[in-house]
Amino acid sequence: MRSATITRTTAETKITVKVDLDGTGSYDNQTGVGFFDHMLDQLARHSLIDMTVRCEGDLHIDDHHTVEDVGIALGQALTQAMGDKRGIVRYGACLLPMDDALVRAALDLSARPFLVWNVAMPTAKVGTFDTELVREFFQAFSTHGGITLHVDLLHGVNSHHIAEAAFKAVARSLRDALEVDPRKGDAIPSTKGAL
């Protein structure tokens, strides 16, 4: 079973994350930040990772700590659930259109975290949500998930569509990378013998 539960408690947030990498994309995400929950739902649905997130954060300050710390916990859960990564495809990429937005994501589950983020949001907010927090989430997720992640906006004028396309593109890339390789399902996908 490629699953994990992570609990993270700080002075700013209290988080529990559960993931099952071999799920159907079911989700139950409650962070107190509506737009962020919507994005986490997309991440689960399109990666086919079953995901439950509970977060109580210091939303009276702003959404930053909640979004960043959920990214940390989700990255840690992904790392734990992958184990030694035996049999996974390892790489994934997606070119995802959503109305006016076209986002490209490519990733490597390498244990070498690195984020390249070429996504300029045209507005500072979607509703009450700060659009700069999309990058903060993926920075935390890639760092603690050990993911080399590249996300590029090719077209887009609507910040909601751009953010959603980014989450969906990363999700589809994760889905491909986490699949068991039908030709090398018993091997670590590296010439080093470890990831």
N, C-alpha and C. Protein backbone atom coordinates (compact mmCIF):
# COMPACT_ATOMS: atom_id res chain seq x y z
N MET A 1 0.85 -1.20 0.00
CA MET A 1 0.00 0.00 0.00
C MET A 1 0.87 1.24 0.00
N ARG A 2 0.73 2.05 -1.04
CA ARG A 2 1.48 3.30 -1.10
C ARG A 2 0.62 4.41 -0.52
N SER A 3 0.62 4.48 0.80
CA SER A 3 -0.21 5.47 1.50
C SER A 3 0.57 6.02 2.68
N ALA A 4 0.11 7.17 3.16
CA ALA A 4 0.79 7.81 4.29
C ALA A 4 -0.15 8.78 4.98
N THR A 5 0.11 8.99 6.26
CA THR A 5 -0.57 10.01 7.04
C THR A 5 0.49 10.86 7.73
N ILE A 6 0.37 12.16 7.57
CA ILE A 6 1.31 13.10 8.18
C ILE A 6 0.54 14.06 9.07
N THR A 7 1.04 14.27 10.27
CA THR A 7 0.49 15.29 11.16
C THR A 7 1.59 16.31 11.43
N ARG A 8 1.23 17.58 11.28
CA ARG A 8 2.20 18.66 11.47
C ARG A 8 1.54 19.74 12.32
N THR A 9 2.15 20.07 13.44
CA THR A 9 1.61 21.09 14.33
C THR A 9 2.68 22.13 14.63
N THR A 10 2.34 23.39 14.38
CA THR A 10 3.23 24.50 14.72
C THR A 10 2.40 25.56 15.45
N ALA A 11 3.02 26.66 15.79
CA ALA A 11 2.29 27.76 16.42
C ALA A 11 1.34 28.43 15.44
N GLU A 12 1.49 28.13 14.13
CA GLU A 12 0.68 28.78 13.10
C GLU A 12 -0.38 27.89 12.49
N THR A 13 -0.11 26.57 12.43
CA THR A 13 -1.06 25.65 11.80
C THR A 13 -1.08 24.30 12.51
N LYS A 14 -2.22 23.63 12.37
CA LYS A 14 -2.36 22.24 12.82
C LYS A 14 -2.92 21.48 11.64
N ILE A 15 -2.15 20.51 11.12
CA ILE A 15 -2.48 19.87 9.85
C ILE A 15 -2.42 18.36 9.97
N THR A 16 -3.38 17.69 9.34
CA THR A 16 -3.32 16.25 9.10
C THR A 16 -3.59 16.02 7.62
N VAL A 17 -2.70 15.25 7.00
CA VAL A 17 -2.81 14.91 5.58
C VAL A 17 -2.78 13.40 5.44
N LYS A 18 -3.71 12.85 4.67
CA LYS A 18 -3.71 11.43 4.33
C LYS A 18 -3.71 11.30 2.82
N VAL A 19 -2.82 10.45 2.29
CA VAL A 19 -2.78 10.21 0.85
C VAL A 19 -2.71 8.71 0.57
N ASP A 20 -3.31 8.31 -0.54
CA ASP A 20 -3.19 6.96 -1.09
C ASP A 20 -2.85 7.14 -2.56
N LEU A 21 -1.62 6.79 -2.93
CA LEU A 21 -1.15 7.01 -4.29
C LEU A 21 -1.84 6.11 -5.31
N ASP A 22 -2.46 5.04 -4.85
CA ASP A 22 -3.13 4.09 -5.74
C ASP A 22 -4.64 4.22 -5.63
N GLY A 23 -5.10 5.44 -5.46
CA GLY A 23 -6.53 5.69 -5.27
C GLY A 23 -7.26 5.95 -6.57
N THR A 24 -8.38 6.63 -6.43
CA THR A 24 -9.24 6.95 -7.57
C THR A 24 -9.40 8.46 -7.74
N GLY A 25 -8.68 9.22 -6.91
CA GLY A 25 -8.80 10.67 -6.97
C GLY A 25 -9.88 11.23 -6.07
N SER A 26 -10.31 10.44 -5.08
CA SER A 26 -11.30 10.95 -4.14
C SER A 26 -10.63 11.96 -3.21
N TYR A 27 -11.42 12.90 -2.69
CA TYR A 27 -10.84 13.97 -1.89
C TYR A 27 -11.82 14.47 -0.84
N ASP A 28 -11.25 14.99 0.24
CA ASP A 28 -12.00 15.63 1.30
C ASP A 28 -11.05 16.63 1.96
N ASN A 29 -10.99 17.83 1.39
CA ASN A 29 -10.01 18.83 1.80
C ASN A 29 -10.69 20.02 2.46
N GLN A 30 -10.27 20.32 3.69
CA GLN A 30 -10.86 21.41 4.44
C GLN A 30 -9.74 22.19 5.14
N THR A 31 -9.42 23.34 4.55
CA THR A 31 -8.34 24.17 5.11
C THR A 31 -8.85 25.50 5.65
N GLY A 32 -10.12 25.81 5.40
CA GLY A 32 -10.65 27.12 5.76
C GLY A 32 -10.42 28.16 4.69
N VAL A 33 -9.74 27.78 3.59
CA VAL A 33 -9.48 28.68 2.47
C VAL A 33 -10.16 28.07 1.24
N GLY A 34 -11.30 28.62 0.87
CA GLY A 34 -12.16 28.02 -0.14
C GLY A 34 -11.48 27.78 -1.48
N PHE A 35 -10.80 28.79 -2.01
CA PHE A 35 -10.16 28.63 -3.31
C PHE A 35 -9.05 27.58 -3.24
N PHE A 36 -8.31 27.56 -2.15
CA PHE A 36 -7.24 26.59 -1.98
C PHE A 36 -7.80 25.17 -1.90
N ASP A 37 -8.91 24.99 -1.18
CA ASP A 37 -9.56 23.68 -1.14
C ASP A 37 -9.93 23.24 -2.56
N HIS A 38 -10.45 24.16 -3.36
CA HIS A 38 -10.82 23.86 -4.75
C HIS A 38 -9.59 23.40 -5.54
N MET A 39 -8.44 24.02 -5.32
CA MET A 39 -7.22 23.63 -6.01
C MET A 39 -6.72 22.26 -5.52
N LEU A 40 -6.79 22.01 -4.22
CA LEU A 40 -6.39 20.70 -3.70
C LEU A 40 -7.30 19.60 -4.24
N ASP A 41 -8.59 19.90 -4.39
CA ASP A 41 -9.51 18.93 -4.98
C ASP A 41 -9.07 18.58 -6.40
N GLN A 42 -8.64 19.59 -7.17
CA GLN A 42 -8.16 19.35 -8.53
C GLN A 42 -6.90 18.49 -8.52
N LEU A 43 -6.00 18.78 -7.58
CA LEU A 43 -4.76 18.02 -7.47
C LEU A 43 -5.05 16.54 -7.22
N ALA A 44 -5.97 16.27 -6.32
CA ALA A 44 -6.34 14.88 -6.01
C ALA A 44 -7.03 14.22 -7.21
N ARG A 45 -8.05 14.87 -7.73
CA ARG A 45 -8.87 14.27 -8.79
C ARG A 45 -8.06 13.91 -10.02
N HIS A 46 -7.16 14.80 -10.42
CA HIS A 46 -6.46 14.58 -11.69
C HIS A 46 -5.15 13.81 -11.55
N SER A 47 -4.68 13.61 -10.32
CA SER A 47 -3.52 12.74 -10.08
C SER A 47 -3.96 11.32 -9.73
N LEU A 48 -5.23 11.14 -9.42
CA LEU A 48 -5.79 9.88 -8.90
C LEU A 48 -5.21 9.51 -7.55
N ILE A 49 -4.73 10.52 -6.82
CA ILE A 49 -4.29 10.32 -5.44
C ILE A 49 -5.48 10.61 -4.53
N ASP A 50 -5.89 9.62 -3.74
CA ASP A 50 -6.91 9.88 -2.73
C ASP A 50 -6.28 10.79 -1.68
N MET A 51 -6.99 11.86 -1.31
CA MET A 51 -6.39 12.88 -0.46
C MET A 51 -7.41 13.42 0.55
N THR A 52 -6.98 13.45 1.79
CA THR A 52 -7.75 14.11 2.84
C THR A 52 -6.83 15.10 3.53
N VAL A 53 -7.25 16.36 3.58
CA VAL A 53 -6.46 17.40 4.24
C VAL A 53 -7.35 18.12 5.25
N ARG A 54 -6.83 18.23 6.47
CA ARG A 54 -7.48 19.04 7.50
C ARG A 54 -6.44 20.04 8.00
N CYS A 55 -6.83 21.31 8.01
CA CYS A 55 -5.90 22.33 8.49
C CYS A 55 -6.66 23.37 9.30
N GLU A 56 -6.16 23.65 10.48
CA GLU A 56 -6.60 24.79 11.27
C GLU A 56 -5.43 25.76 11.31
N GLY A 57 -5.58 26.89 10.63
CA GLY A 57 -4.48 27.83 10.53
C GLY A 57 -4.82 29.20 11.06
N ASP A 58 -3.83 30.05 11.12
CA ASP A 58 -4.00 31.41 11.65
C ASP A 58 -4.54 32.33 10.54
N LEU A 59 -5.76 32.02 10.10
CA LEU A 59 -6.37 32.76 8.99
C LEU A 59 -6.73 34.19 9.37
N HIS A 60 -6.72 34.50 10.66
CA HIS A 60 -6.94 35.89 11.07
C HIS A 60 -5.77 36.77 10.67
N ILE A 61 -4.62 36.15 10.40
CA ILE A 61 -3.46 36.90 9.89
C ILE A 61 -3.56 36.98 8.37
N ASP A 62 -3.46 35.83 7.71
CA ASP A 62 -3.73 35.69 6.28
C ASP A 62 -3.67 34.21 5.95
N ASP A 63 -3.70 33.88 4.64
CA ASP A 63 -3.74 32.48 4.22
C ASP A 63 -2.36 31.86 4.04
N HIS A 64 -1.31 32.66 4.17
CA HIS A 64 0.03 32.23 3.79
C HIS A 64 0.48 30.98 4.54
N HIS A 65 0.41 30.99 5.86
CA HIS A 65 0.90 29.85 6.64
C HIS A 65 0.12 28.59 6.34
N THR A 66 -1.18 28.72 6.16
CA THR A 66 -2.02 27.56 5.84
C THR A 66 -1.58 26.95 4.51
N VAL A 67 -1.46 27.76 3.48
CA VAL A 67 -1.12 27.25 2.15
C VAL A 67 0.27 26.64 2.13
N GLU A 68 1.25 27.35 2.68
CA GLU A 68 2.62 26.85 2.68
C GLU A 68 2.75 25.57 3.50
N ASP A 69 2.16 25.54 4.68
CA ASP A 69 2.32 24.38 5.56
C ASP A 69 1.58 23.16 5.03
N VAL A 70 0.46 23.35 4.35
CA VAL A 70 -0.19 22.21 3.69
C VAL A 70 0.72 21.68 2.58
N GLY A 71 1.39 22.56 1.86
CA GLY A 71 2.36 22.12 0.85
C GLY A 71 3.47 21.29 1.46
N ILE A 72 3.97 21.73 2.61
CA ILE A 72 5.01 20.97 3.32
C ILE A 72 4.50 19.58 3.69
N ALA A 73 3.32 19.52 4.33
CA ALA A 73 2.77 18.24 4.79
C ALA A 73 2.44 17.31 3.63
N LEU A 74 1.89 17.86 2.54
CA LEU A 74 1.59 17.02 1.38
C LEU A 74 2.87 16.48 0.75
N GLY A 75 3.90 17.30 0.68
CA GLY A 75 5.18 16.82 0.16
C GLY A 75 5.75 15.70 1.02
N GLN A 76 5.67 15.86 2.34
CA GLN A 76 6.16 14.83 3.25
C GLN A 76 5.35 13.54 3.11
N ALA A 77 4.03 13.67 2.95
CA ALA A 77 3.18 12.50 2.77
C ALA A 77 3.51 11.77 1.47
N LEU A 78 3.73 12.53 0.40
CA LEU A 78 4.10 11.93 -0.88
C LEU A 78 5.40 11.15 -0.75
N THR A 79 6.40 11.76 -0.12
CA THR A 79 7.69 11.10 0.07
C THR A 79 7.55 9.81 0.85
N GLN A 80 6.79 9.87 1.93
CA GLN A 80 6.60 8.67 2.76
C GLN A 80 5.86 7.59 2.00
N ALA A 81 4.83 7.96 1.25
CA ALA A 81 4.02 6.98 0.53
C ALA A 81 4.79 6.32 -0.61
N MET A 82 5.73 7.04 -1.23
CA MET A 82 6.52 6.47 -2.33
C MET A 82 7.53 5.45 -1.86
N GLY A 83 7.95 5.53 -0.61
CA GLY A 83 8.96 4.60 -0.11
C GLY A 83 10.25 4.73 -0.89
N ASP A 84 10.81 3.60 -1.35
CA ASP A 84 12.08 3.65 -2.08
C ASP A 84 11.88 3.93 -3.57
N LYS A 85 10.64 4.14 -3.99
CA LYS A 85 10.27 4.49 -5.37
C LYS A 85 10.48 3.35 -6.36
N ARG A 86 10.62 2.16 -5.84
CA ARG A 86 10.80 1.00 -6.70
C ARG A 86 9.61 0.85 -7.66
N GLY A 87 9.93 0.75 -8.94
CA GLY A 87 8.91 0.45 -9.94
C GLY A 87 8.21 1.64 -10.54
N ILE A 88 8.39 2.85 -10.02
CA ILE A 88 7.66 3.98 -10.57
C ILE A 88 8.27 4.45 -11.89
N VAL A 89 7.46 5.09 -12.71
CA VAL A 89 7.95 5.67 -13.96
C VAL A 89 8.93 6.79 -13.69
N ARG A 90 8.69 7.57 -12.67
CA ARG A 90 9.56 8.64 -12.15
C ARG A 90 9.33 9.99 -12.80
N TYR A 91 9.18 10.05 -14.10
CA TYR A 91 9.01 11.32 -14.81
C TYR A 91 7.56 11.48 -15.27
N GLY A 92 7.13 12.74 -15.32
CA GLY A 92 5.81 13.03 -15.86
C GLY A 92 5.77 14.43 -16.43
N ALA A 93 4.92 14.63 -17.42
CA ALA A 93 4.77 15.95 -18.03
C ALA A 93 3.36 16.08 -18.57
N CYS A 94 2.89 17.34 -18.65
CA CYS A 94 1.54 17.58 -19.14
C CYS A 94 1.47 18.99 -19.72
N LEU A 95 0.79 19.10 -20.83
CA LEU A 95 0.45 20.39 -21.43
C LEU A 95 -1.05 20.52 -21.27
N LEU A 96 -1.49 21.42 -20.37
CA LEU A 96 -2.90 21.45 -19.98
C LEU A 96 -3.58 22.75 -20.38
N PRO A 97 -4.62 22.66 -21.22
CA PRO A 97 -5.41 23.83 -21.56
C PRO A 97 -6.61 23.98 -20.63
N MET A 98 -6.93 25.20 -20.26
CA MET A 98 -8.17 25.49 -19.56
C MET A 98 -8.66 26.85 -20.03
N ASP A 99 -9.60 26.84 -20.94
CA ASP A 99 -10.11 28.06 -21.55
C ASP A 99 -8.96 28.90 -22.10
N ASP A 100 -8.73 30.09 -21.59
CA ASP A 100 -7.67 30.97 -22.08
C ASP A 100 -6.28 30.55 -21.65
N ALA A 101 -6.20 29.70 -20.63
CA ALA A 101 -4.91 29.35 -20.02
C ALA A 101 -4.34 28.08 -20.63
N LEU A 102 -3.03 28.09 -20.83
CA LEU A 102 -2.30 26.91 -21.27
C LEU A 102 -1.04 26.83 -20.41
N VAL A 103 -0.95 25.75 -19.62
CA VAL A 103 0.15 25.58 -18.68
C VAL A 103 0.87 24.27 -18.96
N ARG A 104 2.19 24.35 -18.94
CA ARG A 104 3.02 23.16 -19.12
C ARG A 104 3.68 22.84 -17.78
N ALA A 105 3.60 21.58 -17.38
CA ALA A 105 4.30 21.10 -16.18
C ALA A 105 5.13 19.89 -16.55
N ALA A 106 6.30 19.81 -15.95
CA ALA A 106 7.16 18.63 -16.10
C ALA A 106 7.84 18.39 -14.77
N LEU A 107 7.94 17.12 -14.38
CA LEU A 107 8.51 16.84 -13.07
C LEU A 107 9.30 15.54 -13.06
N ASP A 108 10.17 15.46 -12.08
CA ASP A 108 11.01 14.30 -11.82
C ASP A 108 10.96 14.03 -10.32
N LEU A 109 10.53 12.82 -9.96
CA LEU A 109 10.47 12.44 -8.55
C LEU A 109 11.87 11.96 -8.13
N SER A 110 12.80 12.89 -8.13
CA SER A 110 14.23 12.61 -8.09
C SER A 110 14.83 12.62 -6.70
N ALA A 111 14.12 13.13 -5.72
CA ALA A 111 14.66 13.43 -4.38
C ALA A 111 15.62 14.61 -4.43
N ARG A 112 15.62 15.35 -5.56
CA ARG A 112 16.41 16.56 -5.70
C ARG A 112 15.44 17.72 -5.94
N PRO A 113 14.97 18.35 -4.89
CA PRO A 113 13.95 19.38 -5.04
C PRO A 113 14.47 20.61 -5.76
N PHE A 114 13.67 21.07 -6.72
CA PHE A 114 14.00 22.30 -7.43
C PHE A 114 12.72 22.77 -8.11
N LEU A 115 12.41 24.04 -7.95
CA LEU A 115 11.22 24.60 -8.59
C LEU A 115 11.63 25.66 -9.59
N VAL A 116 11.16 25.50 -10.82
CA VAL A 116 11.25 26.55 -11.83
C VAL A 116 9.81 26.99 -12.09
N TRP A 117 9.52 28.26 -11.81
CA TRP A 117 8.14 28.77 -11.84
C TRP A 117 8.08 29.97 -12.78
N ASN A 118 7.60 29.74 -13.97
CA ASN A 118 7.43 30.81 -14.96
C ASN A 118 5.94 31.05 -15.17
N VAL A 119 5.28 31.51 -14.12
CA VAL A 119 3.84 31.74 -14.15
C VAL A 119 3.58 33.13 -13.57
N ALA A 120 3.21 34.05 -14.43
CA ALA A 120 2.87 35.41 -13.99
C ALA A 120 1.35 35.52 -13.91
N MET A 121 0.87 35.79 -12.72
CA MET A 121 -0.58 35.96 -12.53
C MET A 121 -0.97 37.39 -12.89
N PRO A 122 -2.02 37.57 -13.70
CA PRO A 122 -2.40 38.92 -14.10
C PRO A 122 -3.04 39.74 -12.99
N THR A 123 -3.55 39.08 -11.94
CA THR A 123 -4.16 39.80 -10.83
C THR A 123 -3.54 39.34 -9.52
N ALA A 124 -3.62 40.19 -8.51
CA ALA A 124 -3.04 39.85 -7.20
C ALA A 124 -3.95 38.91 -6.41
N LYS A 125 -5.22 38.86 -6.77
CA LYS A 125 -6.17 38.04 -6.00
C LYS A 125 -7.14 37.32 -6.93
N VAL A 126 -7.59 36.16 -6.45
CA VAL A 126 -8.77 35.49 -6.99
C VAL A 126 -9.76 35.48 -5.83
N GLY A 127 -10.79 36.29 -5.92
CA GLY A 127 -11.64 36.50 -4.75
C GLY A 127 -10.81 37.12 -3.65
N THR A 128 -10.71 36.44 -2.52
CA THR A 128 -9.88 36.94 -1.41
C THR A 128 -8.53 36.22 -1.34
N PHE A 129 -8.28 35.31 -2.27
CA PHE A 129 -7.07 34.49 -2.24
C PHE A 129 -5.92 35.20 -2.95
N ASP A 130 -4.77 35.30 -2.28
CA ASP A 130 -3.59 35.93 -2.88
C ASP A 130 -2.97 34.97 -3.90
N THR A 131 -2.91 35.39 -5.17
CA THR A 131 -2.42 34.50 -6.21
C THR A 131 -0.94 34.15 -6.05
N GLU A 132 -0.17 34.96 -5.34
CA GLU A 132 1.24 34.63 -5.11
C GLU A 132 1.39 33.35 -4.29
N LEU A 133 0.33 32.94 -3.59
CA LEU A 133 0.39 31.75 -2.76
C LEU A 133 0.39 30.46 -3.58
N VAL A 134 0.01 30.53 -4.85
CA VAL A 134 0.09 29.34 -5.69
C VAL A 134 1.54 28.90 -5.80
N ARG A 135 2.42 29.86 -6.07
CA ARG A 135 3.85 29.53 -6.12
C ARG A 135 4.35 29.05 -4.75
N GLU A 136 3.91 29.68 -3.67
CA GLU A 136 4.35 29.27 -2.33
C GLU A 136 3.98 27.82 -2.05
N PHE A 137 2.78 27.41 -2.48
CA PHE A 137 2.37 26.02 -2.29
C PHE A 137 3.31 25.09 -3.03
N PHE A 138 3.55 25.37 -4.31
CA PHE A 138 4.37 24.46 -5.11
C PHE A 138 5.83 24.47 -4.66
N GLN A 139 6.32 25.59 -4.14
CA GLN A 139 7.67 25.62 -3.59
C GLN A 139 7.78 24.67 -2.40
N ALA A 140 6.82 24.75 -1.49
CA ALA A 140 6.83 23.87 -0.31
C ALA A 140 6.62 22.41 -0.71
N PHE A 141 5.69 22.17 -1.62
CA PHE A 141 5.38 20.80 -2.06
C PHE A 141 6.58 20.16 -2.75
N SER A 142 7.23 20.90 -3.65
CA SER A 142 8.37 20.34 -4.38
C SER A 142 9.56 20.12 -3.43
N THR A 143 9.79 21.05 -2.51
CA THR A 143 10.90 20.92 -1.57
C THR A 143 10.74 19.68 -0.69
N HIS A 144 9.56 19.53 -0.10
CA HIS A 144 9.36 18.45 0.86
C HIS A 144 8.95 17.14 0.20
N GLY A 145 8.57 17.20 -1.08
CA GLY A 145 8.29 15.99 -1.83
C GLY A 145 9.50 15.50 -2.61
N GLY A 146 10.60 16.26 -2.58
CA GLY A 146 11.79 15.88 -3.32
C GLY A 146 11.56 15.87 -4.82
N ILE A 147 10.86 16.89 -5.32
CA ILE A 147 10.44 16.93 -6.72
C ILE A 147 11.19 18.04 -7.47
N THR A 148 11.79 17.68 -8.60
CA THR A 148 12.22 18.68 -9.55
C THR A 148 10.98 19.03 -10.37
N LEU A 149 10.55 20.30 -10.28
CA LEU A 149 9.27 20.69 -10.87
C LEU A 149 9.44 21.96 -11.69
N HIS A 150 9.02 21.88 -12.94
CA HIS A 150 9.01 23.03 -13.84
C HIS A 150 7.57 23.32 -14.22
N VAL A 151 7.12 24.56 -14.04
CA VAL A 151 5.77 24.97 -14.42
C VAL A 151 5.88 26.26 -15.23
N ASP A 152 5.32 26.24 -16.43
CA ASP A 152 5.40 27.38 -17.34
C ASP A 152 4.01 27.75 -17.85
N LEU A 153 3.68 29.03 -17.75
CA LEU A 153 2.47 29.56 -18.35
C LEU A 153 2.78 29.96 -19.79
N LEU A 154 2.07 29.34 -20.74
CA LEU A 154 2.28 29.65 -22.14
C LEU A 154 1.30 30.70 -22.64
N HIS A 155 0.06 30.65 -22.13
CA HIS A 155 -0.97 31.64 -22.45
C HIS A 155 -1.88 31.77 -21.25
N GLY A 156 -2.55 32.92 -21.12
CA GLY A 156 -3.55 33.05 -20.07
C GLY A 156 -3.79 34.49 -19.69
N VAL A 157 -5.07 34.82 -19.45
CA VAL A 157 -5.45 36.16 -19.02
C VAL A 157 -6.27 36.14 -17.73
N ASN A 158 -6.78 34.97 -17.33
CA ASN A 158 -7.65 34.86 -16.17
C ASN A 158 -6.90 34.13 -15.06
N SER A 159 -6.71 34.78 -13.92
CA SER A 159 -5.90 34.21 -12.84
C SER A 159 -6.48 32.91 -12.29
N HIS A 160 -7.80 32.82 -12.20
CA HIS A 160 -8.42 31.58 -11.72
C HIS A 160 -8.07 30.43 -12.67
N HIS A 161 -8.23 30.67 -13.96
CA HIS A 161 -7.94 29.62 -14.94
C HIS A 161 -6.46 29.24 -14.92
N ILE A 162 -5.59 30.21 -14.78
CA ILE A 162 -4.15 29.94 -14.76
C ILE A 162 -3.78 29.09 -13.54
N ALA A 163 -4.26 29.48 -12.37
CA ALA A 163 -3.97 28.71 -11.15
C ALA A 163 -4.51 27.30 -11.26
N GLU A 164 -5.74 27.17 -11.73
CA GLU A 164 -6.35 25.84 -11.83
C GLU A 164 -5.62 24.98 -12.86
N ALA A 165 -5.24 25.58 -13.98
CA ALA A 165 -4.49 24.84 -14.99
C ALA A 165 -3.15 24.37 -14.43
N ALA A 166 -2.51 25.19 -13.60
CA ALA A 166 -1.23 24.79 -12.99
C ALA A 166 -1.42 23.59 -12.07
N PHE A 167 -2.43 23.62 -11.23
CA PHE A 167 -2.68 22.48 -10.33
C PHE A 167 -3.01 21.23 -11.12
N LYS A 168 -3.82 21.37 -12.16
CA LYS A 168 -4.21 20.20 -12.96
C LYS A 168 -3.02 19.65 -13.74
N ALA A 169 -2.18 20.53 -14.28
CA ALA A 169 -1.01 20.08 -15.03
C ALA A 169 -0.04 19.33 -14.13
N VAL A 170 0.18 19.84 -12.94
CA VAL A 170 1.05 19.14 -11.99
C VAL A 170 0.42 17.81 -11.59
N ALA A 171 -0.88 17.81 -11.39
CA ALA A 171 -1.58 16.57 -11.02
C ALA A 171 -1.42 15.50 -12.09
N ARG A 172 -1.64 15.87 -13.34
CA ARG A 172 -1.52 14.89 -14.43
C ARG A 172 -0.07 14.41 -14.56
N SER A 173 0.88 15.29 -14.33
CA SER A 173 2.28 14.89 -14.37
C SER A 173 2.60 13.90 -13.24
N LEU A 174 2.06 14.18 -12.05
CA LEU A 174 2.24 13.26 -10.92
C LEU A 174 1.63 11.90 -11.22
N ARG A 175 0.44 11.91 -11.81
CA ARG A 175 -0.22 10.64 -12.13
C ARG A 175 0.68 9.78 -13.00
N ASP A 176 1.28 10.37 -14.03
CA ASP A 176 2.16 9.61 -14.92
C ASP A 176 3.42 9.14 -14.18
N ALA A 177 4.02 10.02 -13.41
CA ALA A 177 5.29 9.70 -12.74
C ALA A 177 5.13 8.62 -11.67
N LEU A 178 3.97 8.57 -11.02
CA LEU A 178 3.74 7.62 -9.94
C LEU A 178 3.28 6.25 -10.42
N GLU A 179 2.93 6.13 -11.70
CA GLU A 179 2.49 4.85 -12.23
C GLU A 179 3.60 3.81 -12.10
N VAL A 180 3.20 2.57 -11.91
CA VAL A 180 4.16 1.47 -11.89
C VAL A 180 4.53 1.16 -13.33
N ASP A 181 5.82 1.15 -13.61
CA ASP A 181 6.32 0.91 -14.96
C ASP A 181 6.08 -0.56 -15.33
N PRO A 182 5.28 -0.82 -16.39
CA PRO A 182 4.96 -2.21 -16.72
C PRO A 182 6.18 -3.01 -17.19
N ARG A 183 7.25 -2.33 -17.57
CA ARG A 183 8.44 -3.03 -18.05
C ARG A 183 9.52 -3.15 -16.99
N LYS A 184 9.47 -2.30 -15.95
CA LYS A 184 10.51 -2.32 -14.92
C LYS A 184 9.89 -2.13 -13.53
N GLY A 185 8.82 -2.82 -13.25
CA GLY A 185 8.08 -2.64 -12.02
C GLY A 185 8.78 -3.07 -10.76
N ASP A 186 9.94 -3.73 -10.90
CA ASP A 186 10.68 -4.20 -9.74
C ASP A 186 11.98 -3.43 -9.51
N ALA A 187 12.20 -2.38 -10.32
CA ALA A 187 13.50 -1.71 -10.29
C ALA A 187 13.38 -0.28 -9.79
N ILE A 188 14.46 0.20 -9.16
CA ILE A 188 14.59 1.63 -8.83
C ILE A 188 14.90 2.36 -10.15
N PRO A 189 14.15 3.39 -10.50
CA PRO A 189 14.33 4.04 -11.79
C PRO A 189 15.52 5.02 -11.82
N SER A 190 16.70 4.45 -11.58
CA SER A 190 17.93 5.26 -11.60
C SER A 190 19.12 4.35 -11.79
N THR A 191 20.12 4.80 -12.55
CA THR A 191 21.34 4.02 -12.70
C THR A 191 22.16 3.97 -11.41
N LYS A 192 21.84 4.86 -10.46
CA LYS A 192 22.53 4.87 -9.18
C LYS A 192 22.06 3.73 -8.28
N GLY A 193 20.85 3.22 -8.55
CA GLY A 193 20.27 2.18 -7.71
C GLY A 193 19.51 2.71 -6.51
N ALA A 194 19.41 4.04 -6.39
CA ALA A 194 18.66 4.64 -5.28
C ALA A 194 18.23 6.03 -5.70
N LEU A 195 17.09 6.45 -5.16
CA LEU A 195 16.59 7.81 -5.38
C LEU A 195 16.30 8.43 -4.01
